[in-house]
Every structure is written in C-alpha cells, then in structure tokens.
N, C-alpha and C. Protein backbone atom coordinates (compact mmCIF):
# COMPACT_ATOMS: atom_id res chain seq x y z
N MET A 1 3.09 0.56 -69.30
CA MET A 1 4.31 0.91 -68.63
C MET A 1 4.00 1.34 -67.19
N ASP A 2 4.92 1.12 -66.31
CA ASP A 2 4.79 1.42 -64.88
C ASP A 2 4.84 2.93 -64.66
N ALA A 3 4.12 3.39 -63.65
CA ALA A 3 4.09 4.83 -63.35
C ALA A 3 5.47 5.32 -62.94
N ASN A 4 6.23 4.50 -62.23
CA ASN A 4 7.58 4.90 -61.82
C ASN A 4 8.51 5.00 -63.02
N MET A 5 8.31 4.09 -63.99
CA MET A 5 9.14 4.12 -65.19
C MET A 5 8.84 5.37 -66.00
N MET A 6 7.56 5.76 -66.00
CA MET A 6 7.19 6.94 -66.78
C MET A 6 7.79 8.19 -66.18
N LEU A 7 7.97 8.23 -64.87
CA LEU A 7 8.55 9.41 -64.24
C LEU A 7 10.08 9.35 -64.24
N GLY A 8 10.64 8.32 -64.77
CA GLY A 8 12.08 8.22 -64.86
C GLY A 8 12.70 7.59 -63.62
N LYS A 9 11.90 6.93 -62.82
CA LYS A 9 12.41 6.30 -61.61
C LYS A 9 12.31 4.80 -61.78
N SER A 10 13.29 4.11 -61.39
CA SER A 10 13.23 2.66 -61.45
C SER A 10 12.59 2.13 -60.18
N THR A 11 12.08 0.92 -60.25
CA THR A 11 11.48 0.31 -59.07
C THR A 11 12.53 0.03 -58.00
N LYS A 12 13.77 -0.11 -58.44
CA LYS A 12 14.86 -0.32 -57.48
C LYS A 12 15.06 0.93 -56.63
N ASP A 13 15.05 2.10 -57.25
CA ASP A 13 15.18 3.35 -56.50
C ASP A 13 13.99 3.56 -55.56
N PHE A 14 12.81 3.18 -56.03
CA PHE A 14 11.62 3.34 -55.21
C PHE A 14 11.70 2.50 -53.95
N GLY A 15 12.20 1.27 -54.06
CA GLY A 15 12.36 0.39 -52.89
C GLY A 15 13.35 0.96 -51.90
N LYS A 16 14.44 1.54 -52.39
CA LYS A 16 15.42 2.15 -51.49
C LYS A 16 14.82 3.33 -50.74
N ARG A 17 14.08 4.14 -51.49
CA ARG A 17 13.45 5.31 -50.86
C ARG A 17 12.40 4.87 -49.84
N TYR A 18 11.66 3.83 -50.17
CA TYR A 18 10.62 3.33 -49.28
C TYR A 18 11.22 2.85 -47.96
N ARG A 19 12.29 2.05 -48.05
CA ARG A 19 12.96 1.58 -46.83
C ARG A 19 13.56 2.74 -46.07
N HIS A 20 14.19 3.63 -46.77
CA HIS A 20 14.80 4.79 -46.12
C HIS A 20 13.72 5.66 -45.45
N GLY A 21 12.56 5.73 -46.09
CA GLY A 21 11.45 6.51 -45.52
C GLY A 21 11.00 5.96 -44.18
N TRP A 22 10.87 4.62 -44.07
CA TRP A 22 10.47 4.02 -42.80
C TRP A 22 11.55 4.18 -41.75
N GLN A 23 12.80 4.05 -42.14
CA GLN A 23 13.90 4.25 -41.19
C GLN A 23 13.89 5.68 -40.69
N HIS A 24 13.66 6.60 -41.59
CA HIS A 24 13.60 8.01 -41.21
C HIS A 24 12.39 8.27 -40.31
N PHE A 25 11.26 7.63 -40.68
CA PHE A 25 10.04 7.80 -39.88
C PHE A 25 10.26 7.37 -38.44
N PHE A 26 10.86 6.18 -38.23
CA PHE A 26 11.09 5.68 -36.87
C PHE A 26 12.25 6.37 -36.19
N ALA A 27 13.25 6.81 -36.94
CA ALA A 27 14.40 7.47 -36.33
C ALA A 27 13.96 8.74 -35.63
N GLY A 28 13.09 9.48 -36.24
CA GLY A 28 12.61 10.72 -35.63
C GLY A 28 11.64 10.46 -34.49
N ARG A 29 10.93 9.35 -34.53
CA ARG A 29 9.90 9.07 -33.54
C ARG A 29 10.41 8.24 -32.37
N LYS A 30 11.55 7.59 -32.53
CA LYS A 30 12.09 6.78 -31.43
C LYS A 30 12.30 7.63 -30.18
N LYS A 31 12.79 8.81 -30.37
CA LYS A 31 13.02 9.71 -29.24
C LYS A 31 11.70 10.06 -28.56
N TRP A 32 10.67 10.35 -29.38
CA TRP A 32 9.37 10.70 -28.80
C TRP A 32 8.72 9.51 -28.12
N ILE A 33 8.82 8.35 -28.73
CA ILE A 33 8.25 7.14 -28.12
C ILE A 33 8.95 6.86 -26.79
N LEU A 34 10.27 6.98 -26.76
CA LEU A 34 11.03 6.78 -25.54
C LEU A 34 10.64 7.81 -24.48
N LEU A 35 10.48 9.07 -24.87
CA LEU A 35 10.08 10.11 -23.94
C LEU A 35 8.67 9.87 -23.40
N ILE A 36 7.77 9.42 -24.24
CA ILE A 36 6.40 9.15 -23.79
C ILE A 36 6.38 7.98 -22.81
N VAL A 37 7.12 6.93 -23.11
CA VAL A 37 7.19 5.78 -22.20
C VAL A 37 7.82 6.20 -20.88
N LEU A 38 8.89 6.97 -20.93
CA LEU A 38 9.56 7.44 -19.71
C LEU A 38 8.65 8.35 -18.90
N ALA A 39 7.94 9.25 -19.57
CA ALA A 39 7.01 10.15 -18.86
C ALA A 39 5.88 9.36 -18.22
N THR A 40 5.39 8.34 -18.91
CA THR A 40 4.32 7.50 -18.36
C THR A 40 4.79 6.76 -17.11
N LEU A 41 6.02 6.24 -17.15
CA LEU A 41 6.57 5.55 -15.97
C LEU A 41 6.76 6.51 -14.80
N ILE A 42 7.20 7.72 -15.07
CA ILE A 42 7.38 8.71 -14.00
C ILE A 42 6.04 9.09 -13.39
N VAL A 43 5.03 9.34 -14.23
CA VAL A 43 3.70 9.68 -13.72
C VAL A 43 3.14 8.52 -12.90
N LEU A 44 3.32 7.29 -13.37
CA LEU A 44 2.85 6.12 -12.64
C LEU A 44 3.55 6.01 -11.28
N ARG A 45 4.86 6.25 -11.25
CA ARG A 45 5.62 6.17 -9.99
C ARG A 45 5.16 7.25 -9.01
N VAL A 46 4.85 8.44 -9.52
CA VAL A 46 4.37 9.52 -8.65
C VAL A 46 2.97 9.21 -8.13
N ALA A 47 2.11 8.64 -8.98
CA ALA A 47 0.73 8.36 -8.59
C ALA A 47 0.58 7.11 -7.74
N LEU A 48 1.52 6.18 -7.83
CA LEU A 48 1.40 4.89 -7.16
C LEU A 48 1.22 4.99 -5.64
N PRO A 49 1.95 5.85 -4.91
CA PRO A 49 1.70 5.94 -3.47
C PRO A 49 0.27 6.37 -3.13
N TYR A 50 -0.32 7.24 -3.93
CA TYR A 50 -1.70 7.67 -3.68
C TYR A 50 -2.68 6.54 -3.98
N ILE A 51 -2.38 5.75 -5.00
CA ILE A 51 -3.22 4.61 -5.33
C ILE A 51 -3.15 3.57 -4.21
N VAL A 52 -1.94 3.29 -3.72
CA VAL A 52 -1.77 2.32 -2.63
C VAL A 52 -2.42 2.83 -1.35
N LYS A 53 -2.27 4.12 -1.05
CA LYS A 53 -2.90 4.70 0.14
C LYS A 53 -4.42 4.55 0.07
N SER A 54 -4.99 4.81 -1.09
CA SER A 54 -6.43 4.67 -1.27
C SER A 54 -6.85 3.22 -1.07
N TYR A 55 -6.08 2.27 -1.61
CA TYR A 55 -6.38 0.85 -1.44
C TYR A 55 -6.32 0.46 0.04
N VAL A 56 -5.28 0.90 0.75
CA VAL A 56 -5.13 0.56 2.17
C VAL A 56 -6.28 1.15 2.98
N ASN A 57 -6.61 2.43 2.74
CA ASN A 57 -7.72 3.05 3.48
C ASN A 57 -9.04 2.38 3.17
N ASN A 58 -9.28 1.98 1.92
CA ASN A 58 -10.52 1.28 1.59
C ASN A 58 -10.57 -0.10 2.24
N THR A 59 -9.44 -0.78 2.33
CA THR A 59 -9.37 -2.09 2.98
C THR A 59 -9.62 -1.96 4.48
N LEU A 60 -9.05 -0.94 5.10
CA LEU A 60 -9.23 -0.75 6.54
C LEU A 60 -10.62 -0.22 6.89
N ALA A 61 -11.26 0.49 5.98
CA ALA A 61 -12.56 1.09 6.27
C ALA A 61 -13.68 0.07 6.39
N VAL A 62 -13.48 -1.13 5.87
CA VAL A 62 -14.56 -2.12 5.87
C VAL A 62 -14.41 -3.17 6.98
N ILE A 63 -13.52 -2.97 7.93
CA ILE A 63 -13.41 -3.89 9.06
C ILE A 63 -14.67 -3.74 9.91
N PRO A 64 -15.43 -4.82 10.12
CA PRO A 64 -16.70 -4.71 10.85
C PRO A 64 -16.51 -4.19 12.28
N GLY A 65 -17.10 -3.05 12.56
CA GLY A 65 -17.07 -2.47 13.90
C GLY A 65 -15.80 -1.72 14.25
N TYR A 66 -14.74 -1.90 13.48
CA TYR A 66 -13.45 -1.29 13.79
C TYR A 66 -12.80 -0.73 12.52
N PRO A 67 -13.36 0.29 11.90
CA PRO A 67 -12.72 0.84 10.70
C PRO A 67 -11.41 1.54 11.04
N GLY A 68 -10.55 1.60 10.05
CA GLY A 68 -9.25 2.24 10.26
C GLY A 68 -8.88 3.13 9.10
N TYR A 69 -7.77 3.83 9.26
CA TYR A 69 -7.26 4.72 8.22
C TYR A 69 -5.77 4.92 8.43
N VAL A 70 -5.10 5.36 7.38
CA VAL A 70 -3.68 5.68 7.45
C VAL A 70 -3.49 7.12 6.97
N ASP A 71 -2.41 7.74 7.45
CA ASP A 71 -2.11 9.11 7.04
C ASP A 71 -1.32 9.17 5.75
N ASP A 72 -0.39 8.22 5.57
CA ASP A 72 0.49 8.28 4.41
C ASP A 72 1.04 6.90 4.09
N VAL A 73 1.43 6.70 2.84
CA VAL A 73 2.05 5.46 2.39
C VAL A 73 3.26 5.82 1.54
N ASP A 74 4.38 5.20 1.82
CA ASP A 74 5.59 5.37 1.01
C ASP A 74 5.91 4.05 0.33
N LEU A 75 6.38 4.12 -0.90
CA LEU A 75 6.77 2.92 -1.63
C LEU A 75 8.28 2.86 -1.77
N SER A 76 8.80 1.68 -1.64
CA SER A 76 10.22 1.43 -1.86
C SER A 76 10.30 0.27 -2.85
N LEU A 77 10.27 0.60 -4.14
CA LEU A 77 10.20 -0.43 -5.17
C LEU A 77 11.43 -1.32 -5.19
N TRP A 78 12.60 -0.76 -4.95
CA TRP A 78 13.82 -1.56 -4.99
C TRP A 78 13.87 -2.57 -3.85
N ARG A 79 13.16 -2.31 -2.73
CA ARG A 79 13.08 -3.28 -1.63
C ARG A 79 11.88 -4.19 -1.77
N GLY A 80 10.97 -3.85 -2.67
CA GLY A 80 9.73 -4.61 -2.77
C GLY A 80 8.88 -4.42 -1.54
N ALA A 81 8.73 -3.16 -1.11
CA ALA A 81 8.06 -2.88 0.15
C ALA A 81 7.21 -1.62 0.06
N TYR A 82 6.27 -1.54 1.00
CA TYR A 82 5.61 -0.27 1.22
C TYR A 82 5.49 -0.04 2.71
N VAL A 83 5.56 1.24 3.08
CA VAL A 83 5.57 1.63 4.48
C VAL A 83 4.31 2.43 4.75
N ILE A 84 3.56 2.00 5.76
CA ILE A 84 2.34 2.68 6.17
C ILE A 84 2.70 3.57 7.36
N HIS A 85 2.31 4.85 7.28
CA HIS A 85 2.58 5.79 8.37
C HIS A 85 1.27 6.12 9.09
N SER A 86 1.32 6.09 10.40
CA SER A 86 0.22 6.49 11.29
C SER A 86 -1.07 5.74 10.99
N LEU A 87 -1.07 4.47 11.29
CA LEU A 87 -2.27 3.65 11.15
C LEU A 87 -3.09 3.76 12.43
N THR A 88 -4.40 3.93 12.29
CA THR A 88 -5.30 4.01 13.44
C THR A 88 -6.53 3.17 13.15
N ILE A 89 -6.90 2.31 14.12
CA ILE A 89 -8.14 1.52 14.03
C ILE A 89 -8.95 1.83 15.28
N GLU A 90 -10.18 2.32 15.07
CA GLU A 90 -11.02 2.75 16.18
C GLU A 90 -12.35 2.00 16.17
N LYS A 91 -12.89 1.79 17.35
CA LYS A 91 -14.20 1.15 17.46
C LYS A 91 -15.27 2.18 17.12
N VAL A 92 -16.27 1.74 16.33
CA VAL A 92 -17.32 2.65 15.88
C VAL A 92 -18.30 2.96 17.01
N GLU A 93 -18.77 1.93 17.68
CA GLU A 93 -19.78 2.12 18.72
C GLU A 93 -19.13 2.51 20.03
N GLY A 94 -19.88 3.22 20.84
CA GLY A 94 -19.41 3.57 22.17
C GLY A 94 -18.59 4.84 22.19
N ASN A 95 -18.39 5.33 23.36
CA ASN A 95 -17.63 6.55 23.55
C ASN A 95 -16.28 6.16 24.18
N ILE A 96 -15.39 5.63 23.37
CA ILE A 96 -14.11 5.14 23.85
C ILE A 96 -13.03 6.14 23.43
N PRO A 97 -12.30 6.70 24.39
CA PRO A 97 -11.37 7.79 24.07
C PRO A 97 -10.04 7.37 23.45
N VAL A 98 -9.77 6.07 23.34
CA VAL A 98 -8.49 5.62 22.76
C VAL A 98 -8.77 4.68 21.59
N PRO A 99 -7.92 4.68 20.58
CA PRO A 99 -8.12 3.75 19.46
C PRO A 99 -7.82 2.32 19.90
N PHE A 100 -8.44 1.35 19.22
CA PHE A 100 -8.17 -0.04 19.52
C PHE A 100 -6.73 -0.39 19.17
N PHE A 101 -6.28 0.07 18.00
CA PHE A 101 -4.92 -0.19 17.56
C PHE A 101 -4.38 1.04 16.85
N SER A 102 -3.12 1.33 17.11
CA SER A 102 -2.43 2.40 16.38
C SER A 102 -0.97 2.00 16.25
N ALA A 103 -0.36 2.49 15.20
CA ALA A 103 1.06 2.23 14.98
C ALA A 103 1.65 3.44 14.27
N ARG A 104 2.83 3.83 14.70
CA ARG A 104 3.51 4.96 14.06
C ARG A 104 3.92 4.58 12.64
N GLN A 105 4.37 3.34 12.45
CA GLN A 105 4.83 2.91 11.14
C GLN A 105 4.72 1.39 11.02
N ILE A 106 4.32 0.94 9.82
CA ILE A 106 4.27 -0.49 9.51
C ILE A 106 4.98 -0.69 8.18
N ASP A 107 5.96 -1.58 8.19
CA ASP A 107 6.75 -1.86 6.99
C ASP A 107 6.39 -3.26 6.50
N LEU A 108 5.80 -3.35 5.31
CA LEU A 108 5.44 -4.63 4.70
C LEU A 108 6.36 -4.82 3.50
N SER A 109 7.13 -5.90 3.50
CA SER A 109 8.12 -6.08 2.43
C SER A 109 8.29 -7.55 2.08
N ILE A 110 9.00 -7.76 0.97
CA ILE A 110 9.36 -9.10 0.53
C ILE A 110 10.66 -9.49 1.24
N GLU A 111 10.74 -10.73 1.69
CA GLU A 111 11.97 -11.20 2.32
C GLU A 111 12.88 -11.74 1.22
N TRP A 112 13.92 -10.97 0.90
CA TRP A 112 14.78 -11.29 -0.23
C TRP A 112 15.60 -12.55 -0.03
N THR A 113 16.04 -12.83 1.19
CA THR A 113 16.84 -14.04 1.41
C THR A 113 16.02 -15.29 1.09
N ALA A 114 14.75 -15.29 1.47
CA ALA A 114 13.89 -16.44 1.15
C ALA A 114 13.58 -16.49 -0.34
N LEU A 115 13.50 -15.33 -0.99
CA LEU A 115 13.23 -15.28 -2.42
C LEU A 115 14.37 -15.93 -3.21
N PHE A 116 15.60 -15.74 -2.75
CA PHE A 116 16.75 -16.34 -3.41
C PHE A 116 16.76 -17.87 -3.24
N HIS A 117 16.04 -18.37 -2.23
CA HIS A 117 15.92 -19.81 -2.01
C HIS A 117 14.64 -20.38 -2.61
N GLY A 118 13.92 -19.58 -3.39
CA GLY A 118 12.75 -20.07 -4.11
C GLY A 118 11.42 -19.88 -3.40
N SER A 119 11.36 -19.15 -2.29
CA SER A 119 10.11 -18.93 -1.58
C SER A 119 9.71 -17.46 -1.70
N LEU A 120 8.43 -17.23 -1.96
CA LEU A 120 7.92 -15.87 -2.02
C LEU A 120 7.17 -15.60 -0.72
N VAL A 121 7.89 -15.02 0.24
CA VAL A 121 7.32 -14.73 1.56
C VAL A 121 7.58 -13.27 1.92
N GLY A 122 6.84 -12.79 2.89
CA GLY A 122 6.96 -11.40 3.29
C GLY A 122 7.35 -11.26 4.74
N GLU A 123 7.65 -10.03 5.08
CA GLU A 123 7.92 -9.70 6.48
C GLU A 123 7.19 -8.42 6.84
N ILE A 124 6.76 -8.36 8.09
CA ILE A 124 6.05 -7.19 8.60
C ILE A 124 6.81 -6.68 9.81
N GLU A 125 7.04 -5.38 9.83
CA GLU A 125 7.71 -4.75 10.97
C GLU A 125 6.80 -3.64 11.49
N LEU A 126 6.40 -3.75 12.75
CA LEU A 126 5.58 -2.74 13.41
C LEU A 126 6.49 -1.87 14.28
N ILE A 127 6.38 -0.58 14.11
CA ILE A 127 7.17 0.35 14.92
C ILE A 127 6.21 1.17 15.79
N SER A 128 6.38 1.08 17.07
CA SER A 128 5.56 1.76 18.09
C SER A 128 4.07 1.45 17.97
N PRO A 129 3.71 0.17 17.93
CA PRO A 129 2.28 -0.14 17.90
C PRO A 129 1.70 -0.09 19.32
N LYS A 130 0.41 0.22 19.41
CA LYS A 130 -0.29 0.25 20.69
C LYS A 130 -1.64 -0.44 20.50
N ILE A 131 -1.95 -1.35 21.42
CA ILE A 131 -3.26 -2.00 21.46
C ILE A 131 -3.91 -1.59 22.78
N ASN A 132 -5.14 -1.12 22.71
CA ASN A 132 -5.88 -0.68 23.89
C ASN A 132 -7.12 -1.53 24.07
N PHE A 133 -7.11 -2.41 25.08
CA PHE A 133 -8.30 -3.15 25.45
C PHE A 133 -9.02 -2.33 26.51
N VAL A 134 -10.31 -2.15 26.35
CA VAL A 134 -11.07 -1.32 27.28
C VAL A 134 -12.21 -2.14 27.84
N GLN A 135 -12.32 -2.12 29.18
CA GLN A 135 -13.44 -2.75 29.85
C GLN A 135 -14.40 -1.64 30.26
N GLY A 136 -15.63 -1.77 29.79
CA GLY A 136 -16.64 -0.78 30.12
C GLY A 136 -17.82 -1.42 30.81
N PRO A 137 -18.77 -0.62 31.25
CA PRO A 137 -19.95 -1.17 31.94
C PRO A 137 -20.84 -1.99 31.00
N THR A 138 -20.78 -1.73 29.71
CA THR A 138 -21.57 -2.49 28.73
C THR A 138 -20.64 -2.96 27.61
N GLU A 139 -21.16 -3.87 26.77
CA GLU A 139 -20.38 -4.34 25.62
C GLU A 139 -20.11 -3.20 24.65
N LYS A 140 -21.05 -2.27 24.54
CA LYS A 140 -20.89 -1.13 23.65
C LYS A 140 -19.75 -0.22 24.11
N GLU A 141 -19.55 -0.13 25.40
CA GLU A 141 -18.50 0.72 25.96
C GLU A 141 -17.19 -0.04 26.18
N SER A 142 -17.15 -1.31 25.77
CA SER A 142 -15.94 -2.12 25.88
C SER A 142 -15.27 -2.21 24.51
N GLN A 143 -13.98 -2.49 24.54
CA GLN A 143 -13.22 -2.60 23.29
C GLN A 143 -12.28 -3.79 23.40
N ASN A 144 -12.57 -4.85 22.64
CA ASN A 144 -11.74 -6.04 22.71
C ASN A 144 -11.44 -6.66 21.34
N GLY A 145 -11.93 -6.06 20.28
CA GLY A 145 -11.66 -6.56 18.92
C GLY A 145 -12.56 -7.69 18.50
N LYS A 146 -13.51 -8.05 19.33
CA LYS A 146 -14.41 -9.16 19.02
C LYS A 146 -15.29 -8.78 17.83
N GLY A 147 -15.45 -9.72 16.92
CA GLY A 147 -16.31 -9.49 15.76
C GLY A 147 -15.58 -8.96 14.53
N ALA A 148 -14.36 -8.52 14.68
CA ALA A 148 -13.58 -8.01 13.54
C ALA A 148 -12.60 -9.08 13.08
N ASN A 149 -12.47 -9.25 11.78
CA ASN A 149 -11.56 -10.25 11.22
C ASN A 149 -10.27 -9.55 10.77
N PHE A 150 -9.37 -9.36 11.72
CA PHE A 150 -8.12 -8.64 11.42
C PHE A 150 -7.17 -9.48 10.58
N ILE A 151 -7.22 -10.80 10.70
CA ILE A 151 -6.34 -11.68 9.91
C ILE A 151 -6.65 -11.52 8.42
N GLU A 152 -7.92 -11.46 8.08
CA GLU A 152 -8.32 -11.28 6.67
C GLU A 152 -7.83 -9.93 6.14
N THR A 153 -7.88 -8.91 6.96
CA THR A 153 -7.39 -7.58 6.56
C THR A 153 -5.89 -7.61 6.32
N ILE A 154 -5.15 -8.28 7.19
CA ILE A 154 -3.69 -8.39 7.01
C ILE A 154 -3.38 -9.14 5.72
N LYS A 155 -4.15 -10.18 5.41
CA LYS A 155 -3.94 -10.93 4.17
C LYS A 155 -4.19 -10.06 2.94
N LYS A 156 -5.14 -9.15 3.02
CA LYS A 156 -5.41 -8.25 1.90
C LYS A 156 -4.29 -7.23 1.73
N LEU A 157 -3.71 -6.79 2.84
CA LEU A 157 -2.65 -5.78 2.77
C LEU A 157 -1.29 -6.39 2.42
N SER A 158 -1.07 -7.64 2.79
CA SER A 158 0.16 -8.34 2.45
C SER A 158 -0.21 -9.76 2.04
N PRO A 159 -0.45 -9.98 0.75
CA PRO A 159 -0.94 -11.28 0.30
C PRO A 159 0.08 -12.41 0.39
N LEU A 160 1.32 -12.09 0.72
CA LEU A 160 2.35 -13.11 0.84
C LEU A 160 2.23 -13.83 2.17
N ARG A 161 2.77 -15.03 2.23
CA ARG A 161 2.85 -15.75 3.51
C ARG A 161 3.87 -15.00 4.37
N ILE A 162 3.50 -14.72 5.61
CA ILE A 162 4.37 -13.95 6.50
C ILE A 162 5.40 -14.88 7.12
N ASN A 163 6.67 -14.56 6.90
CA ASN A 163 7.76 -15.37 7.42
C ASN A 163 8.42 -14.71 8.63
N LYS A 164 8.31 -13.41 8.72
CA LYS A 164 8.94 -12.69 9.82
C LYS A 164 7.98 -11.59 10.27
N PHE A 165 7.76 -11.51 11.59
CA PHE A 165 6.91 -10.49 12.18
C PHE A 165 7.68 -9.87 13.32
N ASP A 166 8.01 -8.59 13.20
CA ASP A 166 8.86 -7.91 14.18
C ASP A 166 8.10 -6.74 14.78
N VAL A 167 8.18 -6.59 16.09
CA VAL A 167 7.54 -5.48 16.80
C VAL A 167 8.62 -4.72 17.56
N GLN A 168 8.67 -3.41 17.33
CA GLN A 168 9.63 -2.57 18.04
C GLN A 168 8.87 -1.55 18.88
N ASN A 169 9.20 -1.49 20.16
CA ASN A 169 8.64 -0.50 21.07
C ASN A 169 7.11 -0.58 21.13
N GLY A 170 6.57 -1.81 21.26
CA GLY A 170 5.13 -2.00 21.30
C GLY A 170 4.57 -1.85 22.70
N GLU A 171 3.28 -1.52 22.79
CA GLU A 171 2.59 -1.36 24.07
C GLU A 171 1.23 -2.05 24.00
N VAL A 172 0.86 -2.72 25.09
CA VAL A 172 -0.47 -3.30 25.24
C VAL A 172 -1.06 -2.71 26.51
N HIS A 173 -2.27 -2.14 26.40
CA HIS A 173 -2.90 -1.50 27.56
C HIS A 173 -4.25 -2.13 27.83
N PHE A 174 -4.55 -2.29 29.11
CA PHE A 174 -5.88 -2.65 29.54
C PHE A 174 -6.41 -1.46 30.32
N ARG A 175 -7.54 -0.93 29.88
CA ARG A 175 -8.05 0.30 30.49
C ARG A 175 -9.50 0.10 30.93
N ASN A 176 -9.85 0.81 31.98
CA ASN A 176 -11.23 0.83 32.47
C ASN A 176 -11.56 2.28 32.79
N PHE A 177 -12.22 2.95 31.85
CA PHE A 177 -12.55 4.36 32.02
C PHE A 177 -13.82 4.56 32.83
N SER A 178 -14.58 3.50 33.06
CA SER A 178 -15.84 3.63 33.80
C SER A 178 -15.62 3.54 35.30
N TYR A 179 -14.45 3.11 35.74
CA TYR A 179 -14.16 3.00 37.16
C TYR A 179 -13.97 4.40 37.73
N ARG A 180 -14.74 4.71 38.76
CA ARG A 180 -14.62 6.02 39.39
C ARG A 180 -14.16 5.82 40.82
N SER A 181 -13.15 6.53 41.13
CA SER A 181 -12.63 6.46 42.50
C SER A 181 -13.47 7.36 43.39
N GLU A 182 -14.11 6.77 44.38
CA GLU A 182 -14.91 7.56 45.32
C GLU A 182 -14.19 7.60 46.66
N SER A 183 -14.25 8.71 47.26
CA SER A 183 -13.60 8.87 48.56
C SER A 183 -14.37 8.09 49.62
N ARG A 184 -13.61 7.33 50.39
CA ARG A 184 -14.26 6.54 51.44
C ARG A 184 -14.45 7.39 52.70
N TYR A 185 -13.83 8.50 52.74
CA TYR A 185 -13.93 9.35 53.91
C TYR A 185 -14.71 10.60 53.56
N SER A 186 -15.60 10.98 54.39
CA SER A 186 -16.32 12.23 54.15
C SER A 186 -16.04 13.18 55.28
N SER A 187 -16.08 14.41 54.98
CA SER A 187 -15.77 15.39 56.02
C SER A 187 -16.98 16.16 56.40
C-alpha cells in the first residue's frame, strides 16, 4: 500500500498540495526576486558613470605622447548618449604651459533620426574646445599633435560612424612662448 494511502491521504490531494506549494513558494518570492532585480539595476545605473569615466580615462591615457583625462562623465540613457566634462590632452615632453586640446564638454550620442531610417550613426558636439599649437625652439618644446593617433581614440570613444560633428564656441591658437621681445633701444 502507498504511504499516502496509509496516512489517509489520497494521491489526488497530494498533487493539489504539491501544486499549491509551488505556487505559494513563488508567490512569496516573486516580490523578493523583483526587488533584487530592481536593486541590481539601480546599483548598475549608479555605478555606470564611474565605469564609463574609467574607460574614457584609460583610453585617453594611452595616446602616444599626448595622454589625456576627463573630470566627469554623465550618462543619458534615454538619449543614448554620454557627456564628457572637462577633457584635457597635454603633451608629455617639454615644458609647455598650455594643453594641446581641452574642451569644457563633449556630447557623444546616437542620432535618432538616422536610426529610424535604419542607420546606426552617432553625433559629436564639442562645447568650448581649444586647440593650442605651440612653436618652440626644439621639437620637444613644440606642440603640434604629430605622432598621436587621435582618430583611433575617437573611434574607441564613439564606435559608431560619425554623421554629425558640431563645434560651439571653439578656439584655435598658435603660440610661440620662446619668442622674447628685446628692446631695440638702450639707455
């Protein structure tokens, strides 16, 4: 005889209890599973800007002769964009008092109008960028970006094909700090 029959329970009752047990098991845990998934997404969203900032700084740090860094990165997931704040790229060699490139803000995003037409392209917007070319008495004291592959760095930071490139309030400077003005008149 079956153990359930000996206890006065039919196998039909056992099946109902078994199904009800699993429903009860998941009913109580659905809330916890949902809370754990939600908490994981919130933690990921909070950590993501720091992860992206670390990636951007690591990408900029390996530019040959011209490493760079950023102060902050903001993410805008609904726009499919990230915004870089205070980017600076400086020449390693020489005593050059100005950075080669700096920008107050860089916005890298997906171009939604092109996405609706089937193309996955991006747009870059530079706000207050400055490029400083420096002529010095030697190559070490000059700054012209030679030897650095900036295109490859841009491809790493925005892997999409760039469809729009916008510059607002940009400046290009040519500087010569080694030129000394000497007085032609002596007293």
